[in-house]
Amino acid sequence: MPKKQTEANKKWQEKNKDYANYISARSRVRSFIKNKATLEDIEEFKKLIEEREKFLKSEDTFS
């Protein structure tokens, strides 16, 4: 990658730390699920996702 692009990427990441961390975490989760997750992991994730979905939906009703 050209040096200017690398510098621009670093600058963007510093300016958008929270969003950059979100994107990075999301990418790691997807990679883990696609490449390493066991059936037990997937069952646990399903439960966690259901709980999170319920929380987010209930949070919307209070807005």
PDB file of N, CA and C in Angstrom:
ATOM      1  N   MET A   1       0.854  -1.177   0.000  1.00  0.00           N
ATOM      2  CA  MET A   1       0.000   0.000   0.000  1.00  0.00           C
ATOM      3  C   MET A   1       0.896   1.235   0.000  1.00  0.00           C
ATOM      4  N   PRO A   2       0.578   2.201  -0.818  1.00  0.00           N
ATOM      5  CA  PRO A   2       1.387   3.420  -0.864  1.00  0.00           C
ATOM      6  C   PRO A   2       1.425   4.124   0.496  1.00  0.00           C
ATOM      7  N   LYS A   3       2.523   4.805   0.742  1.00  0.00           N
ATOM      8  CA  LYS A   3       2.743   5.463   2.032  1.00  0.00           C
ATOM      9  C   LYS A   3       1.647   6.469   2.358  1.00  0.00           C
ATOM     10  N   LYS A   4       1.218   7.253   1.375  1.00  0.00           N
ATOM     11  CA  LYS A   4       0.170   8.254   1.621  1.00  0.00           C
ATOM     12  C   LYS A   4      -1.132   7.593   2.053  1.00  0.00           C
ATOM     13  N   GLN A   5      -1.462   6.463   1.439  1.00  0.00           N
ATOM     14  CA  GLN A   5      -2.693   5.761   1.797  1.00  0.00           C
ATOM     15  C   GLN A   5      -2.603   5.217   3.221  1.00  0.00           C
ATOM     16  N   THR A   6      -1.440   4.674   3.577  1.00  0.00           N
ATOM     17  CA  THR A   6      -1.232   4.158   4.927  1.00  0.00           C
ATOM     18  C   THR A   6      -1.391   5.276   5.951  1.00  0.00           C
ATOM     19  N   GLU A   7      -0.823   6.422   5.662  1.00  0.00           N
ATOM     20  CA  GLU A   7      -0.944   7.571   6.571  1.00  0.00           C
ATOM     21  C   GLU A   7      -2.391   8.024   6.675  1.00  0.00           C
ATOM     22  N   ALA A   8      -3.094   8.033   5.567  1.00  0.00           N
ATOM     23  CA  ALA A   8      -4.506   8.437   5.569  1.00  0.00           C
ATOM     24  C   ALA A   8      -5.330   7.449   6.385  1.00  0.00           C
ATOM     25  N   ASN A   9      -5.025   6.153   6.258  1.00  0.00           N
ATOM     26  CA  ASN A   9      -5.738   5.144   7.036  1.00  0.00           C
ATOM     27  C   ASN A   9      -5.517   5.334   8.527  1.00  0.00           C
ATOM     28  N   LYS A  10      -4.272   5.575   8.916  1.00  0.00           N
ATOM     29  CA  LYS A  10      -3.964   5.798  10.328  1.00  0.00           C
ATOM     30  C   LYS A  10      -4.689   7.028  10.859  1.00  0.00           C
ATOM     31  N   LYS A  11      -4.697   8.080  10.070  1.00  0.00           N
ATOM     32  CA  LYS A  11      -5.365   9.316  10.473  1.00  0.00           C
ATOM     33  C   LYS A  11      -6.863   9.071  10.659  1.00  0.00           C
ATOM     34  N   TRP A  12      -7.474   8.325   9.720  1.00  0.00           N
ATOM     35  CA  TRP A  12      -8.902   8.031   9.815  1.00  0.00           C
ATOM     36  C   TRP A  12      -9.189   7.203  11.059  1.00  0.00           C
ATOM     37  N   GLN A  13      -8.341   6.188  11.326  1.00  0.00           N
ATOM     38  CA  GLN A  13      -8.548   5.332  12.488  1.00  0.00           C
ATOM     39  C   GLN A  13      -8.436   6.105  13.792  1.00  0.00           C
ATOM     40  N   GLU A  14      -7.493   7.042  13.863  1.00  0.00           N
ATOM     41  CA  GLU A  14      -7.345   7.864  15.064  1.00  0.00           C
ATOM     42  C   GLU A  14      -8.562   8.758  15.255  1.00  0.00           C
ATOM     43  N   LYS A  15      -9.071   9.285  14.167  1.00  0.00           N
ATOM     44  CA  LYS A  15     -10.221  10.189  14.220  1.00  0.00           C
ATOM     45  C   LYS A  15     -11.517   9.437  14.532  1.00  0.00           C
ATOM     46  N   ASN A  16     -11.595   8.162  14.148  1.00  0.00           N
ATOM     47  CA  ASN A  16     -12.809   7.356  14.286  1.00  0.00           C
ATOM     48  C   ASN A  16     -12.545   6.090  15.103  1.00  0.00           C
ATOM     49  N   LYS A  17     -11.918   6.252  16.265  1.00  0.00           N
ATOM     50  CA  LYS A  17     -11.491   5.100  17.061  1.00  0.00           C
ATOM     51  C   LYS A  17     -12.621   4.139  17.387  1.00  0.00           C
ATOM     52  N   ASP A  18     -13.733   4.657  17.865  1.00  0.00           N
ATOM     53  CA  ASP A  18     -14.836   3.776  18.252  1.00  0.00           C
ATOM     54  C   ASP A  18     -15.349   2.972  17.066  1.00  0.00           C
ATOM     55  N   TYR A  19     -15.551   3.629  15.948  1.00  0.00           N
ATOM     56  CA  TYR A  19     -16.063   2.940  14.765  1.00  0.00           C
ATOM     57  C   TYR A  19     -15.024   1.965  14.215  1.00  0.00           C
ATOM     58  N   ALA A  20     -13.749   2.346  14.236  1.00  0.00           N
ATOM     59  CA  ALA A  20     -12.682   1.459  13.762  1.00  0.00           C
ATOM     60  C   ALA A  20     -12.612   0.205  14.637  1.00  0.00           C
ATOM     61  N   ASN A  21     -12.765   0.370  15.949  1.00  0.00           N
ATOM     62  CA  ASN A  21     -12.768  -0.775  16.859  1.00  0.00           C
ATOM     63  C   ASN A  21     -13.970  -1.672  16.591  1.00  0.00           C
ATOM     64  N   TYR A  22     -15.117  -1.066  16.339  1.00  0.00           N
ATOM     65  CA  TYR A  22     -16.334  -1.814  16.015  1.00  0.00           C
ATOM     66  C   TYR A  22     -16.115  -2.664  14.758  1.00  0.00           C
ATOM     67  N   ILE A  23     -15.590  -2.057  13.710  1.00  0.00           N
ATOM     68  CA  ILE A  23     -15.349  -2.774  12.451  1.00  0.00           C
ATOM     69  C   ILE A  23     -14.357  -3.923  12.663  1.00  0.00           C
ATOM     70  N   SER A  24     -13.315  -3.663  13.422  1.00  0.00           N
ATOM     71  CA  SER A  24     -12.303  -4.678  13.677  1.00  0.00           C
ATOM     72  C   SER A  24     -12.890  -5.852  14.461  1.00  0.00           C
ATOM     73  N   ALA A  25     -13.657  -5.554  15.498  1.00  0.00           N
ATOM     74  CA  ALA A  25     -14.274  -6.609  16.304  1.00  0.00           C
ATOM     75  C   ALA A  25     -15.248  -7.429  15.465  1.00  0.00           C
ATOM     76  N   ARG A  26     -16.049  -6.757  14.664  1.00  0.00           N
ATOM     77  CA  ARG A  26     -17.014  -7.443  13.805  1.00  0.00           C
ATOM     78  C   ARG A  26     -16.284  -8.383  12.838  1.00  0.00           C
ATOM     79  N   SER A  27     -15.194  -7.926  12.288  1.00  0.00           N
ATOM     80  CA  SER A  27     -14.416  -8.740  11.361  1.00  0.00           C
ATOM     81  C   SER A  27     -13.843  -9.977  12.054  1.00  0.00           C
ATOM     82  N   ARG A  28     -13.325  -9.812  13.267  1.00  0.00           N
ATOM     83  CA  ARG A  28     -12.768 -10.947  14.011  1.00  0.00           C
ATOM     84  C   ARG A  28     -13.845 -11.972  14.331  1.00  0.00           C
ATOM     85  N   VAL A  29     -15.031 -11.499  14.717  1.00  0.00           N
ATOM     86  CA  VAL A  29     -16.131 -12.414  15.034  1.00  0.00           C
ATOM     87  C   VAL A  29     -16.538 -13.211  13.804  1.00  0.00           C
ATOM     88  N   ARG A  30     -16.699 -12.544  12.690  1.00  0.00           N
ATOM     89  CA  ARG A  30     -17.084 -13.233  11.450  1.00  0.00           C
ATOM     90  C   ARG A  30     -16.056 -14.286  11.068  1.00  0.00           C
ATOM     91  N   SER A  31     -14.794 -13.925  11.153  1.00  0.00           N
ATOM     92  CA  SER A  31     -13.723 -14.859  10.812  1.00  0.00           C
ATOM     93  C   SER A  31     -13.744 -16.062  11.746  1.00  0.00           C
ATOM     94  N   PHE A  32     -13.925 -15.828  13.033  1.00  0.00           N
ATOM     95  CA  PHE A  32     -13.975 -16.919  13.993  1.00  0.00           C
ATOM     96  C   PHE A  32     -15.128 -17.859  13.683  1.00  0.00           C
ATOM     97  N   ILE A  33     -16.300 -17.292  13.451  1.00  0.00           N
ATOM     98  CA  ILE A  33     -17.476 -18.121  13.171  1.00  0.00           C
ATOM     99  C   ILE A  33     -17.267 -18.930  11.891  1.00  0.00           C
ATOM    100  N   LYS A  34     -16.759 -18.308  10.858  1.00  0.00           N
ATOM    101  CA  LYS A  34     -16.579 -18.998   9.580  1.00  0.00           C
ATOM    102  C   LYS A  34     -15.495 -20.070   9.626  1.00  0.00           C
ATOM    103  N   ASN A  35     -14.437 -19.834  10.407  1.00  0.00           N
ATOM    104  CA  ASN A  35     -13.254 -20.683  10.310  1.00  0.00           C
ATOM    105  C   ASN A  35     -12.929 -21.564  11.518  1.00  0.00           C
ATOM    106  N   LYS A  36     -13.415 -21.216  12.695  1.00  0.00           N
ATOM    107  CA  LYS A  36     -12.959 -21.947  13.874  1.00  0.00           C
ATOM    108  C   LYS A  36     -14.058 -22.388  14.825  1.00  0.00           C
ATOM    109  N   ALA A  37     -15.244 -21.820  14.737  1.00  0.00           N
ATOM    110  CA  ALA A  37     -16.298 -22.110  15.706  1.00  0.00           C
ATOM    111  C   ALA A  37     -16.714 -23.574  15.674  1.00  0.00           C
ATOM    112  N   THR A  38     -16.905 -24.128  16.864  1.00  0.00           N
ATOM    113  CA  THR A  38     -17.419 -25.490  16.996  1.00  0.00           C
ATOM    114  C   THR A  38     -18.941 -25.417  17.091  1.00  0.00           C
ATOM    115  N   LEU A  39     -19.589 -26.570  17.061  1.00  0.00           N
ATOM    116  CA  LEU A  39     -21.045 -26.600  17.229  1.00  0.00           C
ATOM    117  C   LEU A  39     -21.448 -26.016  18.588  1.00  0.00           C
ATOM    118  N   GLU A  40     -20.658 -26.312  19.612  1.00  0.00           N
ATOM    119  CA  GLU A  40     -20.943 -25.761  20.943  1.00  0.00           C
ATOM    120  C   GLU A  40     -20.842 -24.243  20.936  1.00  0.00           C
ATOM    121  N   ASP A  41     -19.825 -23.721  20.268  1.00  0.00           N
ATOM    122  CA  ASP A  41     -19.674 -22.268  20.144  1.00  0.00           C
ATOM    123  C   ASP A  41     -20.900 -21.669  19.465  1.00  0.00           C
ATOM    124  N   ILE A  42     -21.311 -22.274  18.380  1.00  0.00           N
ATOM    125  CA  ILE A  42     -22.436 -21.741  17.607  1.00  0.00           C
ATOM    126  C   ILE A  42     -23.716 -21.741  18.431  1.00  0.00           C
ATOM    127  N   GLU A  43     -23.948 -22.798  19.202  1.00  0.00           N
ATOM    128  CA  GLU A  43     -25.135 -22.835  20.065  1.00  0.00           C
ATOM    129  C   GLU A  43     -25.086 -21.709  21.100  1.00  0.00           C
ATOM    130  N   GLU A  44     -23.936 -21.490  21.683  1.00  0.00           N
ATOM    131  CA  GLU A  44     -23.783 -20.412  22.658  1.00  0.00           C
ATOM    132  C   GLU A  44     -24.013 -19.055  21.997  1.00  0.00           C
ATOM    133  N   PHE A  45     -23.458 -18.867  20.813  1.00  0.00           N
ATOM    134  CA  PHE A  45     -23.616 -17.596  20.105  1.00  0.00           C
ATOM    135  C   PHE A  45     -25.079 -17.330  19.775  1.00  0.00           C
ATOM    136  N   LYS A  46     -25.803 -18.368  19.389  1.00  0.00           N
ATOM    137  CA  LYS A  46     -27.228 -18.205  19.079  1.00  0.00           C
ATOM    138  C   LYS A  46     -27.971 -17.642  20.283  1.00  0.00           C
ATOM    139  N   LYS A  47     -27.689 -18.180  21.475  1.00  0.00           N
ATOM    140  CA  LYS A  47     -28.337 -17.696  22.698  1.00  0.00           C
ATOM    141  C   LYS A  47     -27.943 -16.242  22.981  1.00  0.00           C
ATOM    142  N   LEU A  48     -26.669 -15.956  22.839  1.00  0.00           N
ATOM    143  CA  LEU A  48     -26.195 -14.592  23.084  1.00  0.00           C
ATOM    144  C   LEU A  48     -26.826 -13.605  22.104  1.00  0.00           C
ATOM    145  N   ILE A  49     -26.960 -14.020  20.855  1.00  0.00           N
ATOM    146  CA  ILE A  49     -27.564 -13.158  19.837  1.00  0.00           C
ATOM    147  C   ILE A  49     -29.030 -12.909  20.149  1.00  0.00           C
ATOM    148  N   GLU A  50     -29.746 -13.951  20.556  1.00  0.00           N
ATOM    149  CA  GLU A  50     -31.157 -13.781  20.918  1.00  0.00           C
ATOM    150  C   GLU A  50     -31.315 -12.792  22.076  1.00  0.00           C
ATOM    151  N   GLU A  51     -30.460 -12.927  23.093  1.00  0.00           N
ATOM    152  CA  GLU A  51     -30.510 -12.018  24.236  1.00  0.00           C
ATOM    153  C   GLU A  51     -30.218 -10.579  23.809  1.00  0.00           C
ATOM    154  N   ARG A  52     -29.219 -10.415  22.994  1.00  0.00           N
ATOM    155  CA  ARG A  52     -28.841  -9.074  22.524  1.00  0.00           C
ATOM    156  C   ARG A  52     -29.948  -8.466  21.681  1.00  0.00           C
ATOM    157  N   GLU A  53     -30.556  -9.284  20.825  1.00  0.00           N
ATOM    158  CA  GLU A  53     -31.643  -8.816  19.978  1.00  0.00           C
ATOM    159  C   GLU A  53     -32.835  -8.357  20.828  1.00  0.00           C
ATOM    160  N   LYS A  54     -33.176  -9.130  21.850  1.00  0.00           N
ATOM    161  CA  LYS A  54     -34.272  -8.741  22.748  1.00  0.00           C
ATOM    162  C   LYS A  54     -33.953  -7.427  23.449  1.00  0.00           C
ATOM    163  N   PHE A  55     -32.724  -7.298  23.905  1.00  0.00           N
ATOM    164  CA  PHE A  55     -32.311  -6.067  24.583  1.00  0.00           C
ATOM    165  C   PHE A  55     -32.420  -4.863  23.658  1.00  0.00           C
ATOM    166  N   LEU A  56     -31.903  -5.008  22.448  1.00  0.00           N
ATOM    167  CA  LEU A  56     -31.925  -3.886  21.500  1.00  0.00           C
ATOM    168  C   LEU A  56     -33.353  -3.519  21.114  1.00  0.00           C
ATOM    169  N   LYS A  57     -34.210  -4.512  20.949  1.00  0.00           N
ATOM    170  CA  LYS A  57     -35.613  -4.229  20.606  1.00  0.00           C
ATOM    171  C   LYS A  57     -36.325  -3.548  21.754  1.00  0.00           C
ATOM    172  N   SER A  58     -36.051  -3.949  22.990  1.00  0.00           N
ATOM    173  CA  SER A  58     -36.701  -3.317  24.138  1.00  0.00           C
ATOM    174  C   SER A  58     -36.168  -1.897  24.345  1.00  0.00           C
ATOM    175  N   GLU A  59     -34.917  -1.676  24.006  1.00  0.00           N
ATOM    176  CA  GLU A  59     -34.307  -0.355  24.116  1.00  0.00           C
ATOM    177  C   GLU A  59     -34.978   0.620  23.133  1.00  0.00           C
ATOM    178  N   ASP A  60     -35.337   0.131  21.957  1.00  0.00           N
ATOM    179  CA  ASP A  60     -36.007   0.961  20.940  1.00  0.00           C
ATOM    180  C   ASP A  60     -37.361   1.449  21.421  1.00  0.00           C
ATOM    181  N   THR A  61     -38.050   0.660  22.217  1.00  0.00           N
ATOM    182  CA  THR A  61     -39.389   1.061  22.653  1.00  0.00           C
ATOM    183  C   THR A  61     -39.335   2.202  23.650  1.00  0.00           C
ATOM    184  N   PHE A  62     -38.188   2.410  24.278  1.00  0.00           N
ATOM    185  CA  PHE A  62     -38.042   3.493  25.256  1.00  0.00           C
ATOM    186  C   PHE A  62     -37.574   4.791  24.617  1.00  0.00           C
ATOM    187  N   SER A  63     -37.207   4.758  23.376  1.00  0.00           N
ATOM    188  CA  SER A  63     -36.680   5.946  22.698  1.00  0.00           C
ATOM    189  C   SER A  63     -37.770   6.937  22.372  1.00  0.00           C
TER     190      SER A  63
END
